[in-house]
Amino acid sequence: MQQRKAGPADGIDGLPERADLLFDAHAVAGAIDRLAVQISVSLAERNPILMCVLHGGLPFTGELMKRLHFPLELGFLQVSRYADATVGGQLHWLAEPSVNVAGRTVLIVDDVLDEGKTLNAIHQRLLDLGAEDVLSAVLVDKKVPGRDTVADFTGLNCPDRYLFGCGMDYQGYWRNLPSIYAMSDR
């Protein structure tokens, strides 16, 4: 096996082994299965657009849409508060919605609901662009004290900890893990 060259990932090799496993791949898949049923019941007859929030929402959107057995349109947008940092900063729009949302039901699909600032901004932007109804689905809802934002569809709930895996990253890495980890408090 060829050894990886030194680079920005130095120091994060083996990170999953040093972190706390919160949800294994089986639990994640079960949560997505449940969400697909709930979303199907609510949106199957509404000609929805699934609006993937890049980058974190990409793995979740891919898994979710394979489980939705009704016609839908897929779009994306990209907005970030984290970049490769572990704390949120100013909101940056990197890509506007890729499809016309006017008069449509839009389901925002993202990896995690944290403070709610990003989700609120996306929700308002889609309404400003003429969406008839805007709903949200998140794989993980972090229970952040004092937050009043809620997602319409939530897969998993966890304490307010720094997460990675299933689209969530640590310094730009480990989005590809099938399980969800939290940085260790140890």
N, C-alpha and C. Protein backbone atom coordinates (compact mmCIF):
# COMPACT_ATOMS: atom_id res chain seq x y z
N MET A 1 0.84 -1.19 0.00
CA MET A 1 0.00 0.00 0.00
C MET A 1 0.88 1.24 0.00
N GLN A 2 0.56 2.17 -0.88
CA GLN A 2 1.35 3.39 -0.99
C GLN A 2 1.00 4.32 0.17
N GLN A 3 2.00 4.93 0.75
CA GLN A 3 1.78 5.83 1.87
C GLN A 3 1.33 7.20 1.34
N ARG A 4 0.40 7.82 2.06
CA ARG A 4 -0.12 9.12 1.69
C ARG A 4 0.93 10.19 1.92
N LYS A 5 0.98 11.16 1.02
CA LYS A 5 1.91 12.27 1.17
C LYS A 5 1.45 13.17 2.32
N ALA A 6 2.40 13.84 2.93
CA ALA A 6 2.08 14.80 4.00
C ALA A 6 1.23 15.91 3.40
N GLY A 7 0.32 16.41 4.19
CA GLY A 7 -0.54 17.48 3.71
C GLY A 7 -1.48 17.95 4.79
N PRO A 8 -2.56 18.61 4.39
CA PRO A 8 -3.46 19.21 5.37
C PRO A 8 -4.16 18.19 6.26
N ALA A 9 -4.21 16.93 5.88
CA ALA A 9 -4.89 15.93 6.70
C ALA A 9 -4.01 15.40 7.82
N ASP A 10 -2.75 15.84 7.85
CA ASP A 10 -1.86 15.35 8.92
C ASP A 10 -2.50 15.62 10.28
N GLY A 11 -2.42 14.64 11.12
CA GLY A 11 -2.99 14.77 12.46
C GLY A 11 -4.42 14.29 12.57
N ILE A 12 -5.09 14.00 11.44
CA ILE A 12 -6.47 13.51 11.54
C ILE A 12 -6.60 12.07 11.10
N ASP A 13 -5.49 11.46 10.66
CA ASP A 13 -5.53 10.02 10.40
C ASP A 13 -5.89 9.33 11.70
N GLY A 14 -6.78 8.36 11.64
CA GLY A 14 -7.18 7.64 12.85
C GLY A 14 -8.14 8.40 13.74
N LEU A 15 -8.62 9.54 13.27
CA LEU A 15 -9.53 10.35 14.09
C LEU A 15 -10.77 9.58 14.53
N PRO A 16 -11.42 8.80 13.64
CA PRO A 16 -12.61 8.07 14.12
C PRO A 16 -12.33 7.17 15.32
N GLU A 17 -11.14 6.59 15.38
CA GLU A 17 -10.81 5.72 16.50
C GLU A 17 -10.63 6.50 17.79
N ARG A 18 -10.35 7.79 17.68
CA ARG A 18 -10.16 8.63 18.87
C ARG A 18 -11.44 9.38 19.24
N ALA A 19 -12.47 9.26 18.43
CA ALA A 19 -13.73 9.98 18.66
C ALA A 19 -14.78 9.04 19.25
N ASP A 20 -15.90 9.61 19.63
CA ASP A 20 -17.01 8.83 20.18
C ASP A 20 -17.99 8.50 19.05
N LEU A 21 -18.27 7.21 18.86
CA LEU A 21 -19.26 6.78 17.88
C LEU A 21 -20.64 7.08 18.45
N LEU A 22 -21.41 7.92 17.76
CA LEU A 22 -22.77 8.24 18.22
C LEU A 22 -23.81 7.37 17.52
N PHE A 23 -23.66 7.22 16.20
CA PHE A 23 -24.62 6.44 15.41
C PHE A 23 -23.85 5.63 14.38
N ASP A 24 -23.99 4.31 14.44
CA ASP A 24 -23.31 3.47 13.45
C ASP A 24 -24.08 3.51 12.13
N ALA A 25 -23.50 2.91 11.10
CA ALA A 25 -24.09 2.95 9.76
C ALA A 25 -25.50 2.36 9.74
N HIS A 26 -25.74 1.33 10.55
CA HIS A 26 -27.07 0.72 10.62
C HIS A 26 -28.10 1.70 11.18
N ALA A 27 -27.75 2.42 12.22
CA ALA A 27 -28.66 3.41 12.81
C ALA A 27 -28.93 4.56 11.84
N VAL A 28 -27.90 4.98 11.12
CA VAL A 28 -28.06 6.05 10.13
C VAL A 28 -29.02 5.60 9.03
N ALA A 29 -28.81 4.40 8.50
CA ALA A 29 -29.68 3.88 7.44
C ALA A 29 -31.12 3.75 7.92
N GLY A 30 -31.31 3.29 9.15
CA GLY A 30 -32.67 3.18 9.70
C GLY A 30 -33.34 4.53 9.82
N ALA A 31 -32.58 5.54 10.23
CA ALA A 31 -33.15 6.89 10.34
C ALA A 31 -33.56 7.42 8.96
N ILE A 32 -32.73 7.17 7.96
CA ILE A 32 -33.07 7.63 6.60
C ILE A 32 -34.29 6.88 6.08
N ASP A 33 -34.40 5.59 6.38
CA ASP A 33 -35.60 4.83 6.00
C ASP A 33 -36.85 5.46 6.59
N ARG A 34 -36.81 5.78 7.89
CA ARG A 34 -37.98 6.39 8.56
C ARG A 34 -38.31 7.75 7.95
N LEU A 35 -37.28 8.55 7.69
CA LEU A 35 -37.51 9.86 7.08
C LEU A 35 -38.16 9.73 5.71
N ALA A 36 -37.71 8.76 4.93
CA ALA A 36 -38.27 8.58 3.59
C ALA A 36 -39.76 8.28 3.64
N VAL A 37 -40.18 7.50 4.61
CA VAL A 37 -41.61 7.20 4.77
C VAL A 37 -42.37 8.48 5.13
N GLN A 38 -41.87 9.22 6.10
CA GLN A 38 -42.53 10.46 6.53
C GLN A 38 -42.62 11.48 5.39
N ILE A 39 -41.53 11.64 4.66
CA ILE A 39 -41.50 12.60 3.56
C ILE A 39 -42.42 12.14 2.44
N SER A 40 -42.45 10.85 2.16
CA SER A 40 -43.34 10.33 1.11
C SER A 40 -44.79 10.61 1.44
N VAL A 41 -45.18 10.38 2.66
CA VAL A 41 -46.56 10.64 3.07
C VAL A 41 -46.90 12.12 2.90
N SER A 42 -45.97 12.98 3.25
CA SER A 42 -46.23 14.43 3.22
C SER A 42 -46.09 15.07 1.85
N LEU A 43 -45.16 14.57 1.01
CA LEU A 43 -44.82 15.31 -0.20
C LEU A 43 -45.05 14.59 -1.52
N ALA A 44 -45.41 13.33 -1.51
CA ALA A 44 -45.51 12.56 -2.76
C ALA A 44 -46.42 13.20 -3.80
N GLU A 45 -47.45 13.85 -3.37
CA GLU A 45 -48.42 14.44 -4.31
C GLU A 45 -48.16 15.93 -4.59
N ARG A 46 -47.03 16.46 -4.12
CA ARG A 46 -46.81 17.91 -4.19
C ARG A 46 -45.75 18.34 -5.20
N ASN A 47 -45.24 17.43 -6.03
CA ASN A 47 -44.24 17.78 -7.03
C ASN A 47 -43.07 18.56 -6.42
N PRO A 48 -42.41 17.99 -5.42
CA PRO A 48 -41.40 18.75 -4.69
C PRO A 48 -40.05 18.84 -5.41
N ILE A 49 -39.31 19.84 -5.00
CA ILE A 49 -37.89 19.96 -5.35
C ILE A 49 -37.11 19.61 -4.09
N LEU A 50 -36.21 18.65 -4.20
CA LEU A 50 -35.27 18.39 -3.12
C LEU A 50 -34.09 19.31 -3.35
N MET A 51 -33.83 20.19 -2.41
CA MET A 51 -32.76 21.18 -2.55
C MET A 51 -31.62 20.78 -1.62
N CYS A 52 -30.61 20.16 -2.20
CA CYS A 52 -29.45 19.69 -1.46
C CYS A 52 -28.56 20.87 -1.07
N VAL A 53 -28.22 20.92 0.21
CA VAL A 53 -27.29 21.94 0.69
C VAL A 53 -25.89 21.34 0.62
N LEU A 54 -25.08 21.86 -0.32
CA LEU A 54 -23.71 21.37 -0.49
C LEU A 54 -22.80 21.94 0.58
N HIS A 55 -21.81 21.25 0.96
CA HIS A 55 -21.35 19.93 0.66
C HIS A 55 -21.96 18.90 1.62
N GLY A 56 -22.22 19.31 2.83
CA GLY A 56 -22.64 18.38 3.86
C GLY A 56 -23.89 17.59 3.55
N GLY A 57 -24.85 18.17 2.87
CA GLY A 57 -26.10 17.49 2.59
C GLY A 57 -26.04 16.48 1.46
N LEU A 58 -24.91 16.44 0.74
CA LEU A 58 -24.82 15.57 -0.43
C LEU A 58 -24.98 14.08 -0.12
N PRO A 59 -24.24 13.51 0.83
CA PRO A 59 -24.43 12.07 1.11
C PRO A 59 -25.86 11.75 1.58
N PHE A 60 -26.41 12.57 2.45
CA PHE A 60 -27.77 12.36 2.95
C PHE A 60 -28.79 12.47 1.82
N THR A 61 -28.65 13.48 0.97
CA THR A 61 -29.58 13.65 -0.14
C THR A 61 -29.54 12.44 -1.06
N GLY A 62 -28.33 11.95 -1.37
CA GLY A 62 -28.19 10.78 -2.24
C GLY A 62 -28.88 9.56 -1.67
N GLU A 63 -28.71 9.32 -0.39
CA GLU A 63 -29.34 8.16 0.25
C GLU A 63 -30.85 8.35 0.36
N LEU A 64 -31.29 9.54 0.72
CA LEU A 64 -32.72 9.81 0.88
C LEU A 64 -33.46 9.67 -0.44
N MET A 65 -32.95 10.26 -1.50
CA MET A 65 -33.70 10.26 -2.76
C MET A 65 -33.84 8.86 -3.35
N LYS A 66 -32.91 7.94 -3.04
CA LYS A 66 -33.05 6.55 -3.50
C LYS A 66 -34.23 5.86 -2.83
N ARG A 67 -34.68 6.39 -1.72
CA ARG A 67 -35.77 5.78 -0.96
C ARG A 67 -37.12 6.46 -1.22
N LEU A 68 -37.14 7.51 -2.00
CA LEU A 68 -38.38 8.23 -2.32
C LEU A 68 -38.87 7.74 -3.68
N HIS A 69 -40.02 7.10 -3.70
CA HIS A 69 -40.52 6.45 -4.91
C HIS A 69 -41.68 7.24 -5.51
N PHE A 70 -41.40 8.51 -5.77
CA PHE A 70 -42.35 9.38 -6.46
C PHE A 70 -41.54 10.40 -7.26
N PRO A 71 -42.15 11.02 -8.26
CA PRO A 71 -41.41 11.99 -9.07
C PRO A 71 -40.99 13.19 -8.24
N LEU A 72 -39.77 13.61 -8.43
CA LEU A 72 -39.26 14.80 -7.75
C LEU A 72 -38.19 15.42 -8.61
N GLU A 73 -37.91 16.67 -8.33
CA GLU A 73 -36.83 17.36 -9.02
C GLU A 73 -35.73 17.61 -8.00
N LEU A 74 -34.49 17.57 -8.45
CA LEU A 74 -33.35 17.75 -7.57
C LEU A 74 -32.63 19.05 -7.92
N GLY A 75 -32.32 19.81 -6.89
CA GLY A 75 -31.53 21.02 -7.06
C GLY A 75 -30.49 21.09 -5.97
N PHE A 76 -29.67 22.11 -6.04
CA PHE A 76 -28.67 22.30 -5.00
C PHE A 76 -28.43 23.78 -4.79
N LEU A 77 -27.84 24.07 -3.67
CA LEU A 77 -27.35 25.40 -3.35
C LEU A 77 -26.15 25.20 -2.45
N GLN A 78 -25.36 26.23 -2.29
CA GLN A 78 -24.22 26.10 -1.40
C GLN A 78 -24.07 27.38 -0.60
N VAL A 79 -24.12 27.19 0.70
CA VAL A 79 -23.93 28.28 1.64
C VAL A 79 -23.13 27.72 2.80
N SER A 80 -22.27 28.53 3.35
CA SER A 80 -21.40 28.00 4.40
C SER A 80 -21.20 29.02 5.51
N ARG A 81 -21.12 28.50 6.72
CA ARG A 81 -20.72 29.29 7.89
C ARG A 81 -19.45 28.72 8.50
N TYR A 82 -19.07 27.53 8.05
CA TYR A 82 -17.95 26.85 8.70
C TYR A 82 -16.69 26.77 7.85
N ALA A 83 -16.83 26.66 6.52
CA ALA A 83 -15.69 26.35 5.64
C ALA A 83 -15.02 25.11 6.21
N ASP A 84 -13.75 25.18 6.54
CA ASP A 84 -13.07 24.03 7.14
C ASP A 84 -12.84 24.23 8.64
N ALA A 85 -13.48 25.23 9.22
CA ALA A 85 -13.33 25.51 10.65
C ALA A 85 -14.28 24.64 11.47
N THR A 86 -14.07 24.64 12.77
CA THR A 86 -14.94 23.86 13.66
C THR A 86 -15.95 24.75 14.39
N VAL A 87 -15.95 26.05 14.11
CA VAL A 87 -16.94 26.96 14.68
C VAL A 87 -17.54 27.79 13.56
N GLY A 88 -18.82 28.11 13.68
CA GLY A 88 -19.51 28.87 12.65
C GLY A 88 -19.10 30.32 12.64
N GLY A 89 -19.10 30.90 11.45
CA GLY A 89 -18.78 32.30 11.28
C GLY A 89 -19.85 32.99 10.48
N GLN A 90 -19.45 33.92 9.65
CA GLN A 90 -20.37 34.67 8.81
C GLN A 90 -20.90 33.77 7.69
N LEU A 91 -22.14 33.99 7.31
CA LEU A 91 -22.79 33.22 6.25
C LEU A 91 -22.28 33.67 4.89
N HIS A 92 -21.87 32.70 4.05
CA HIS A 92 -21.37 32.99 2.71
C HIS A 92 -22.18 32.17 1.70
N TRP A 93 -22.83 32.85 0.73
CA TRP A 93 -23.53 32.17 -0.35
C TRP A 93 -22.51 31.86 -1.43
N LEU A 94 -22.31 30.58 -1.70
CA LEU A 94 -21.34 30.15 -2.70
C LEU A 94 -22.02 29.75 -4.01
N ALA A 95 -23.29 29.32 -3.94
CA ALA A 95 -24.07 28.98 -5.13
C ALA A 95 -25.55 29.17 -4.82
N GLU A 96 -26.19 29.97 -5.63
CA GLU A 96 -27.64 30.18 -5.49
C GLU A 96 -28.37 28.89 -5.89
N PRO A 97 -29.65 28.76 -5.54
CA PRO A 97 -30.40 27.56 -5.95
C PRO A 97 -30.27 27.30 -7.44
N SER A 98 -30.05 26.04 -7.78
CA SER A 98 -29.75 25.66 -9.16
C SER A 98 -30.99 25.51 -10.04
N VAL A 99 -32.17 25.48 -9.45
CA VAL A 99 -33.41 25.34 -10.22
C VAL A 99 -34.39 26.43 -9.80
N ASN A 100 -35.33 26.71 -10.68
CA ASN A 100 -36.36 27.71 -10.39
C ASN A 100 -37.33 27.14 -9.36
N VAL A 101 -37.48 27.81 -8.23
CA VAL A 101 -38.35 27.33 -7.15
C VAL A 101 -39.71 28.02 -7.12
N ALA A 102 -39.93 28.99 -8.00
CA ALA A 102 -41.16 29.77 -7.98
C ALA A 102 -42.39 28.87 -8.08
N GLY A 103 -43.31 29.04 -7.13
CA GLY A 103 -44.56 28.30 -7.14
C GLY A 103 -44.45 26.84 -6.72
N ARG A 104 -43.31 26.42 -6.25
CA ARG A 104 -43.06 25.00 -5.94
C ARG A 104 -42.90 24.75 -4.44
N THR A 105 -43.11 23.51 -4.06
CA THR A 105 -42.77 23.04 -2.71
C THR A 105 -41.31 22.62 -2.75
N VAL A 106 -40.53 23.14 -1.81
CA VAL A 106 -39.10 22.85 -1.76
C VAL A 106 -38.78 22.19 -0.42
N LEU A 107 -38.05 21.10 -0.50
CA LEU A 107 -37.56 20.44 0.71
C LEU A 107 -36.06 20.66 0.78
N ILE A 108 -35.62 21.46 1.74
CA ILE A 108 -34.20 21.67 1.99
C ILE A 108 -33.67 20.40 2.64
N VAL A 109 -32.58 19.84 2.10
CA VAL A 109 -32.00 18.61 2.64
C VAL A 109 -30.57 18.92 3.08
N ASP A 110 -30.32 18.77 4.39
CA ASP A 110 -29.00 19.10 4.92
C ASP A 110 -28.57 18.05 5.94
N ASP A 111 -27.29 18.05 6.23
CA ASP A 111 -26.74 17.05 7.14
C ASP A 111 -27.10 17.30 8.60
N VAL A 112 -27.02 18.53 9.06
CA VAL A 112 -27.18 18.79 10.50
C VAL A 112 -27.85 20.13 10.74
N LEU A 113 -28.70 20.16 11.74
CA LEU A 113 -29.27 21.41 12.24
C LEU A 113 -28.52 21.76 13.51
N ASP A 114 -27.78 22.85 13.45
CA ASP A 114 -26.94 23.27 14.56
C ASP A 114 -27.62 24.49 15.21
N GLU A 115 -27.11 25.67 14.98
CA GLU A 115 -27.70 26.88 15.56
C GLU A 115 -28.95 27.33 14.82
N GLY A 116 -29.11 26.89 13.57
CA GLY A 116 -30.27 27.25 12.78
C GLY A 116 -30.09 28.45 11.89
N LYS A 117 -28.96 29.13 11.97
CA LYS A 117 -28.75 30.34 11.17
C LYS A 117 -28.72 30.04 9.68
N THR A 118 -28.03 28.98 9.29
CA THR A 118 -27.94 28.63 7.87
C THR A 118 -29.30 28.19 7.35
N LEU A 119 -29.98 27.33 8.08
CA LEU A 119 -31.30 26.85 7.65
C LEU A 119 -32.28 28.01 7.53
N ASN A 120 -32.28 28.92 8.47
CA ASN A 120 -33.18 30.08 8.41
C ASN A 120 -32.88 30.95 7.19
N ALA A 121 -31.61 31.16 6.89
CA ALA A 121 -31.24 31.99 5.74
C ALA A 121 -31.65 31.32 4.43
N ILE A 122 -31.46 30.02 4.33
CA ILE A 122 -31.86 29.29 3.12
C ILE A 122 -33.37 29.33 2.97
N HIS A 123 -34.08 29.08 4.05
CA HIS A 123 -35.56 29.11 4.04
C HIS A 123 -36.05 30.46 3.51
N GLN A 124 -35.51 31.55 4.05
CA GLN A 124 -35.94 32.88 3.62
C GLN A 124 -35.58 33.15 2.18
N ARG A 125 -34.39 32.72 1.76
CA ARG A 125 -33.97 32.95 0.37
C ARG A 125 -34.90 32.24 -0.61
N LEU A 126 -35.30 31.01 -0.29
CA LEU A 126 -36.21 30.26 -1.17
C LEU A 126 -37.59 30.91 -1.22
N LEU A 127 -38.06 31.41 -0.10
CA LEU A 127 -39.33 32.16 -0.11
C LEU A 127 -39.20 33.43 -0.94
N ASP A 128 -38.08 34.13 -0.79
CA ASP A 128 -37.85 35.35 -1.58
C ASP A 128 -37.82 35.05 -3.08
N LEU A 129 -37.38 33.85 -3.45
CA LEU A 129 -37.34 33.44 -4.86
C LEU A 129 -38.69 32.91 -5.34
N GLY A 130 -39.71 32.93 -4.48
CA GLY A 130 -41.06 32.58 -4.91
C GLY A 130 -41.53 31.18 -4.59
N ALA A 131 -40.79 30.43 -3.79
CA ALA A 131 -41.25 29.08 -3.42
C ALA A 131 -42.60 29.19 -2.72
N GLU A 132 -43.49 28.28 -3.07
CA GLU A 132 -44.82 28.26 -2.46
C GLU A 132 -44.76 27.79 -1.01
N ASP A 133 -43.94 26.75 -0.78
CA ASP A 133 -43.79 26.19 0.57
C ASP A 133 -42.36 25.69 0.70
N VAL A 134 -41.76 25.92 1.85
CA VAL A 134 -40.39 25.48 2.10
C VAL A 134 -40.37 24.66 3.38
N LEU A 135 -39.90 23.42 3.24
CA LEU A 135 -39.77 22.51 4.38
C LEU A 135 -38.31 22.11 4.48
N SER A 136 -37.97 21.47 5.59
CA SER A 136 -36.58 21.06 5.76
C SER A 136 -36.48 19.65 6.33
N ALA A 137 -35.44 18.94 5.88
CA ALA A 137 -35.12 17.61 6.39
C ALA A 137 -33.64 17.62 6.76
N VAL A 138 -33.33 17.21 7.98
CA VAL A 138 -31.94 17.12 8.42
C VAL A 138 -31.69 15.71 8.93
N LEU A 139 -30.49 15.22 8.66
CA LEU A 139 -30.13 13.91 9.17
C LEU A 139 -29.98 13.94 10.68
N VAL A 140 -29.34 15.00 11.21
CA VAL A 140 -29.09 15.10 12.64
C VAL A 140 -29.53 16.47 13.15
N ASP A 141 -30.26 16.45 14.25
CA ASP A 141 -30.63 17.66 14.97
C ASP A 141 -29.81 17.70 16.25
N LYS A 142 -28.89 18.66 16.31
CA LYS A 142 -28.12 18.85 17.53
C LYS A 142 -28.97 19.69 18.48
N LYS A 143 -29.12 19.26 19.68
CA LYS A 143 -29.94 19.97 20.65
C LYS A 143 -29.14 21.13 21.24
N VAL A 144 -29.18 22.25 20.52
CA VAL A 144 -28.46 23.45 20.91
C VAL A 144 -29.34 24.27 21.85
N PRO A 145 -28.88 24.55 23.04
CA PRO A 145 -29.68 25.32 23.99
C PRO A 145 -30.07 26.69 23.43
N GLY A 146 -31.34 27.05 23.63
CA GLY A 146 -31.83 28.36 23.22
C GLY A 146 -32.20 28.50 21.76
N ARG A 147 -31.98 27.49 20.95
CA ARG A 147 -32.32 27.57 19.52
C ARG A 147 -33.82 27.40 19.36
N ASP A 148 -34.42 28.23 18.51
CA ASP A 148 -35.86 28.11 18.28
C ASP A 148 -36.19 27.54 16.90
N THR A 149 -35.21 27.31 16.07
CA THR A 149 -35.41 26.74 14.74
C THR A 149 -35.61 25.23 14.86
N VAL A 150 -36.59 24.72 14.13
CA VAL A 150 -36.82 23.27 14.09
C VAL A 150 -36.92 22.83 12.64
N ALA A 151 -36.50 21.61 12.39
CA ALA A 151 -36.64 21.03 11.05
C ALA A 151 -37.99 20.33 10.97
N ASP A 152 -38.55 20.26 9.78
CA ASP A 152 -39.82 19.57 9.59
C ASP A 152 -39.66 18.06 9.67
N PHE A 153 -38.49 17.57 9.24
CA PHE A 153 -38.20 16.13 9.27
C PHE A 153 -36.80 15.95 9.84
N THR A 154 -36.70 15.16 10.88
CA THR A 154 -35.43 14.93 11.57
C THR A 154 -35.16 13.45 11.70
N GLY A 155 -33.95 13.03 11.32
CA GLY A 155 -33.58 11.62 11.40
C GLY A 155 -33.10 11.22 12.78
N LEU A 156 -32.12 11.92 13.30
CA LEU A 156 -31.48 11.57 14.56
C LEU A 156 -31.33 12.82 15.42
N ASN A 157 -31.31 12.63 16.72
CA ASN A 157 -31.08 13.72 17.66
C ASN A 157 -29.84 13.42 18.48
N CYS A 158 -29.09 14.46 18.78
CA CYS A 158 -27.89 14.26 19.61
C CYS A 158 -27.59 15.53 20.39
N PRO A 159 -26.74 15.40 21.40
CA PRO A 159 -26.33 16.59 22.16
C PRO A 159 -25.52 17.53 21.28
N ASP A 160 -25.30 18.72 21.77
CA ASP A 160 -24.56 19.76 21.07
C ASP A 160 -23.06 19.47 21.17
N ARG A 161 -22.58 18.67 20.22
CA ARG A 161 -21.16 18.31 20.15
C ARG A 161 -20.71 18.47 18.71
N TYR A 162 -19.40 18.55 18.49
CA TYR A 162 -18.88 18.67 17.13
C TYR A 162 -18.92 17.29 16.48
N LEU A 163 -19.64 17.17 15.35
CA LEU A 163 -19.87 15.90 14.68
C LEU A 163 -19.10 15.80 13.38
N PHE A 164 -18.82 14.56 12.97
CA PHE A 164 -18.29 14.32 11.62
C PHE A 164 -18.73 12.94 11.16
N GLY A 165 -18.73 12.77 9.82
CA GLY A 165 -19.24 11.56 9.18
C GLY A 165 -20.59 11.84 8.56
N CYS A 166 -20.97 11.04 7.56
CA CYS A 166 -22.28 11.20 6.89
C CYS A 166 -22.48 12.61 6.35
N GLY A 167 -21.45 13.18 5.77
CA GLY A 167 -21.54 14.52 5.19
C GLY A 167 -20.93 15.59 6.06
N MET A 168 -20.91 15.39 7.36
CA MET A 168 -20.31 16.36 8.27
C MET A 168 -18.80 16.13 8.30
N ASP A 169 -18.04 17.21 8.36
CA ASP A 169 -16.60 17.07 8.23
C ASP A 169 -15.85 17.53 9.47
N TYR A 170 -14.60 17.13 9.50
CA TYR A 170 -13.64 17.67 10.45
C TYR A 170 -12.49 18.24 9.62
N GLN A 171 -12.37 19.56 9.60
CA GLN A 171 -11.35 20.27 8.82
C GLN A 171 -11.37 19.84 7.35
N GLY A 172 -12.55 19.62 6.81
CA GLY A 172 -12.71 19.28 5.40
C GLY A 172 -12.64 17.79 5.11
N TYR A 173 -12.35 16.96 6.09
CA TYR A 173 -12.18 15.53 5.90
C TYR A 173 -13.26 14.73 6.64
N TRP A 174 -13.33 13.45 6.30
CA TRP A 174 -14.17 12.43 6.93
C TRP A 174 -15.66 12.58 6.65
N ARG A 175 -16.07 13.36 5.65
CA ARG A 175 -17.49 13.41 5.26
C ARG A 175 -17.95 12.04 4.75
N ASN A 176 -17.01 11.23 4.29
CA ASN A 176 -17.31 9.96 3.64
C ASN A 176 -17.59 8.81 4.60
N LEU A 177 -17.50 9.01 5.88
CA LEU A 177 -17.77 7.93 6.83
C LEU A 177 -19.25 7.57 6.84
N PRO A 178 -19.60 6.28 6.93
CA PRO A 178 -21.00 5.87 6.96
C PRO A 178 -21.64 6.00 8.34
N SER A 179 -20.84 6.27 9.35
CA SER A 179 -21.31 6.43 10.73
C SER A 179 -21.09 7.87 11.16
N ILE A 180 -21.71 8.24 12.28
CA ILE A 180 -21.57 9.61 12.80
C ILE A 180 -20.81 9.56 14.12
N TYR A 181 -19.79 10.40 14.19
CA TYR A 181 -18.91 10.49 15.35
C TYR A 181 -18.97 11.89 15.96
N ALA A 182 -18.62 11.97 17.23
CA ALA A 182 -18.46 13.25 17.90
C ALA A 182 -17.04 13.34 18.42
N MET A 183 -16.50 14.53 18.36
CA MET A 183 -15.17 14.73 18.93
C MET A 183 -15.23 14.31 20.39
N SER A 184 -14.21 13.62 20.82
CA SER A 184 -14.17 13.09 22.17
C SER A 184 -14.04 14.19 23.20
N ASP A 185 -14.76 14.05 24.30
CA ASP A 185 -14.64 15.00 25.41
C ASP A 185 -13.48 14.60 26.32
N ARG A 186 -12.89 13.44 26.01
CA ARG A 186 -11.79 12.94 26.85
C ARG A 186 -10.54 13.73 26.64
